[in-house]
């Protein structure tokens, strides 16, 4: 089992930046692979970015070149640096451990135009 706690959400103007953090506690094998998902109002949850402990990454086409996923293994923390934010990035962002099927509680991002 792993507990995931996100932070860093908020309100930002279009073109701005935010950095999300997700700190894991519990069974650290769960964080060998991690991802960020988001769910906008009225839409299904979608993958934003994912990474493995070996630091391979993949991104949704909609965020490539704007978002960067990274991790600090010593701190058991996952990050999502979001630049050039757009109103369509507005959503609740969740971190996820696919190995342990655990979700964080989510953090809200609102991008105003």
C-alpha atoms as a PDB file:
ATOM      1  CA  UNK A   1       0.000   0.000   0.000  1.00  0.00           C
ATOM      2  CA  UNK A   2       1.055   3.550  -0.662  1.00  0.00           C
ATOM      3  CA  UNK A   3      -0.391   6.907   0.279  1.00  0.00           C
ATOM      4  CA  UNK A   4      -0.090   9.672  -2.279  1.00  0.00           C
ATOM      5  CA  UNK A   5      -0.531  13.338  -1.410  1.00  0.00           C
ATOM      6  CA  UNK A   6      -0.568  15.996  -4.116  1.00  0.00           C
ATOM      7  CA  UNK A   7       0.096  19.695  -3.640  1.00  0.00           C
ATOM      8  CA  UNK A   8       0.756  22.760  -5.744  1.00  0.00           C
ATOM      9  CA  UNK A   9      -2.576  23.368  -7.426  1.00  0.00           C
ATOM     10  CA  UNK A  10      -4.279  26.703  -7.738  1.00  0.00           C
ATOM     11  CA  UNK A  11      -5.439  29.466 -10.040  1.00  0.00           C
ATOM     12  CA  UNK A  12      -3.137  30.759 -12.745  1.00  0.00           C
ATOM     13  CA  UNK A  13      -3.510  32.910 -15.830  1.00  0.00           C
ATOM     14  CA  UNK A  14      -3.070  31.479 -19.279  1.00  0.00           C
ATOM     15  CA  UNK A  15       0.601  31.357 -20.176  1.00  0.00           C
ATOM     16  CA  UNK A  16       1.628  30.913 -16.566  1.00  0.00           C
ATOM     17  CA  UNK A  17       3.327  28.041 -14.791  1.00  0.00           C
ATOM     18  CA  UNK A  18       2.703  25.759 -11.847  1.00  0.00           C
ATOM     19  CA  UNK A  19       4.539  22.849 -10.317  1.00  0.00           C
ATOM     20  CA  UNK A  20       2.681  19.962  -8.763  1.00  0.00           C
ATOM     21  CA  UNK A  21       4.190  17.631  -6.221  1.00  0.00           C
ATOM     22  CA  UNK A  22       3.120  14.170  -5.142  1.00  0.00           C
ATOM     23  CA  UNK A  23       4.717  12.711  -2.053  1.00  0.00           C
ATOM     24  CA  UNK A  24       4.458   8.989  -1.455  1.00  0.00           C
ATOM     25  CA  UNK A  25       4.591   7.126   1.820  1.00  0.00           C
ATOM     26  CA  UNK A  26       4.265   3.452   2.527  1.00  0.00           C
ATOM     27  CA  UNK A  27       5.429   0.658   0.245  1.00  0.00           C
ATOM     28  CA  UNK A  28       8.024   2.299  -1.960  1.00  0.00           C
ATOM     29  CA  UNK A  29       7.871  -0.454  -4.559  1.00  0.00           C
ATOM     30  CA  UNK A  30       4.621   1.237  -5.542  1.00  0.00           C
ATOM     31  CA  UNK A  31       6.468   4.260  -6.858  1.00  0.00           C
ATOM     32  CA  UNK A  32       8.712   2.425  -9.302  1.00  0.00           C
ATOM     33  CA  UNK A  33       6.258   3.637 -11.920  1.00  0.00           C
ATOM     34  CA  UNK A  34       4.156   6.745 -11.426  1.00  0.00           C
ATOM     35  CA  UNK A  35       1.902   8.961 -13.446  1.00  0.00           C
ATOM     36  CA  UNK A  36      -0.089  12.174 -13.465  1.00  0.00           C
ATOM     37  CA  UNK A  37      -3.675  12.084 -14.649  1.00  0.00           C
ATOM     38  CA  UNK A  38      -6.268  14.798 -14.931  1.00  0.00           C
ATOM     39  CA  UNK A  39     -10.015  15.013 -15.093  1.00  0.00           C
ATOM     40  CA  UNK A  40     -11.769  18.050 -16.455  1.00  0.00           C
ATOM     41  CA  UNK A  41     -15.437  18.740 -15.670  1.00  0.00           C
ATOM     42  CA  UNK A  42     -17.650  16.459 -17.694  1.00  0.00           C
ATOM     43  CA  UNK A  43     -14.733  14.505 -19.121  1.00  0.00           C
ATOM     44  CA  UNK A  44     -13.054  11.215 -18.403  1.00  0.00           C
ATOM     45  CA  UNK A  45      -9.807  10.977 -16.497  1.00  0.00           C
ATOM     46  CA  UNK A  46      -6.844  10.986 -18.849  1.00  0.00           C
ATOM     47  CA  UNK A  47      -3.142  10.310 -18.617  1.00  0.00           C
ATOM     48  CA  UNK A  48      -1.009  13.443 -18.674  1.00  0.00           C
ATOM     49  CA  UNK A  49       2.478  12.058 -18.091  1.00  0.00           C
ATOM     50  CA  UNK A  50       4.170   8.997 -16.682  1.00  0.00           C
ATOM     51  CA  UNK A  51       7.614   7.970 -15.556  1.00  0.00           C
ATOM     52  CA  UNK A  52       9.486   4.967 -14.231  1.00  0.00           C
ATOM     53  CA  UNK A  53      12.195   4.779 -11.596  1.00  0.00           C
ATOM     54  CA  UNK A  54      14.637   4.527 -14.448  1.00  0.00           C
ATOM     55  CA  UNK A  55      13.368   7.951 -15.559  1.00  0.00           C
ATOM     56  CA  UNK A  56      11.803   6.962 -18.855  1.00  0.00           C
ATOM     57  CA  UNK A  57       8.863   9.257 -19.562  1.00  0.00           C
ATOM     58  CA  UNK A  58       5.864   9.606 -21.814  1.00  0.00           C
ATOM     59  CA  UNK A  59       3.399  12.439 -22.297  1.00  0.00           C
ATOM     60  CA  UNK A  60      -0.020  13.080 -23.711  1.00  0.00           C
ATOM     61  CA  UNK A  61       0.239  14.849 -27.051  1.00  0.00           C
ATOM     62  CA  UNK A  62      -1.674  17.805 -25.635  1.00  0.00           C
ATOM     63  CA  UNK A  63       1.054  18.593 -23.089  1.00  0.00           C
ATOM     64  CA  UNK A  64       4.239  17.646 -24.934  1.00  0.00           C
ATOM     65  CA  UNK A  65       6.725  20.477 -24.872  1.00  0.00           C
ATOM     66  CA  UNK A  66       4.864  22.267 -22.070  1.00  0.00           C
ATOM     67  CA  UNK A  67       4.809  19.814 -19.148  1.00  0.00           C
ATOM     68  CA  UNK A  68       7.712  17.951 -17.602  1.00  0.00           C
ATOM     69  CA  UNK A  69       7.408  15.012 -15.237  1.00  0.00           C
ATOM     70  CA  UNK A  70      10.281  14.298 -12.897  1.00  0.00           C
ATOM     71  CA  UNK A  71      10.978  12.526  -9.653  1.00  0.00           C
ATOM     72  CA  UNK A  72      13.203  12.711  -6.634  1.00  0.00           C
ATOM     73  CA  UNK A  73      13.631   9.119  -5.545  1.00  0.00           C
ATOM     74  CA  UNK A  74      15.374  10.111  -2.324  1.00  0.00           C
ATOM     75  CA  UNK A  75      12.299  12.108  -1.315  1.00  0.00           C
ATOM     76  CA  UNK A  76       9.744   9.671  -2.783  1.00  0.00           C
ATOM     77  CA  UNK A  77       8.291  12.654  -4.592  1.00  0.00           C
ATOM     78  CA  UNK A  78       6.922  13.032  -8.090  1.00  0.00           C
ATOM     79  CA  UNK A  79       6.687  16.407  -9.806  1.00  0.00           C
ATOM     80  CA  UNK A  80       4.847  17.893 -12.740  1.00  0.00           C
ATOM     81  CA  UNK A  81       6.201  21.177 -14.036  1.00  0.00           C
ATOM     82  CA  UNK A  82       3.523  22.835 -16.131  1.00  0.00           C
ATOM     83  CA  UNK A  83       4.456  25.754 -18.359  1.00  0.00           C
ATOM     84  CA  UNK A  84       2.525  27.756 -20.948  1.00  0.00           C
ATOM     85  CA  UNK A  85      -0.710  26.744 -19.300  1.00  0.00           C
ATOM     86  CA  UNK A  86      -3.925  26.973 -21.290  1.00  0.00           C
ATOM     87  CA  UNK A  87      -7.548  27.210 -20.151  1.00  0.00           C
ATOM     88  CA  UNK A  88      -8.068  23.674 -21.452  1.00  0.00           C
ATOM     89  CA  UNK A  89      -5.556  22.457 -18.856  1.00  0.00           C
ATOM     90  CA  UNK A  90      -8.129  23.256 -16.170  1.00  0.00           C
ATOM     91  CA  UNK A  91      -8.834  20.027 -14.310  1.00  0.00           C
ATOM     92  CA  UNK A  92      -8.280  18.083 -11.141  1.00  0.00           C
ATOM     93  CA  UNK A  93      -4.820  16.527 -11.317  1.00  0.00           C
ATOM     94  CA  UNK A  94      -4.096  13.201  -9.659  1.00  0.00           C
ATOM     95  CA  UNK A  95      -0.951  11.229  -9.155  1.00  0.00           C
ATOM     96  CA  UNK A  96      -1.237   7.502  -9.591  1.00  0.00           C
ATOM     97  CA  UNK A  97       0.717   4.369  -8.820  1.00  0.00           C
ATOM     98  CA  UNK A  98      -0.170   1.716 -11.397  1.00  0.00           C
ATOM     99  CA  UNK A  99       1.777  -0.962  -9.541  1.00  0.00           C
ATOM    100  CA  UNK A 100      -0.361  -0.520  -6.429  1.00  0.00           C
ATOM    101  CA  UNK A 101      -3.431   0.965  -8.128  1.00  0.00           C
ATOM    102  CA  UNK A 102      -3.415   3.890  -5.726  1.00  0.00           C
ATOM    103  CA  UNK A 103      -4.616   7.425  -6.397  1.00  0.00           C
ATOM    104  CA  UNK A 104      -3.912  10.650  -4.608  1.00  0.00           C
ATOM    105  CA  UNK A 105      -6.762  12.879  -3.500  1.00  0.00           C
ATOM    106  CA  UNK A 106      -6.279  15.274  -6.405  1.00  0.00           C
ATOM    107  CA  UNK A 107      -5.391  18.929  -6.672  1.00  0.00           C
ATOM    108  CA  UNK A 108      -7.342  21.545  -8.623  1.00  0.00           C
ATOM    109  CA  UNK A 109      -5.811  23.584 -11.398  1.00  0.00           C
ATOM    110  CA  UNK A 110      -7.760  26.458 -12.888  1.00  0.00           C
ATOM    111  CA  UNK A 111      -6.286  28.354 -15.824  1.00  0.00           C
ATOM    112  CA  UNK A 112      -8.023  31.625 -16.578  1.00  0.00           C
ATOM    113  CA  UNK A 113      -8.023  33.173 -20.037  1.00  0.00           C
END
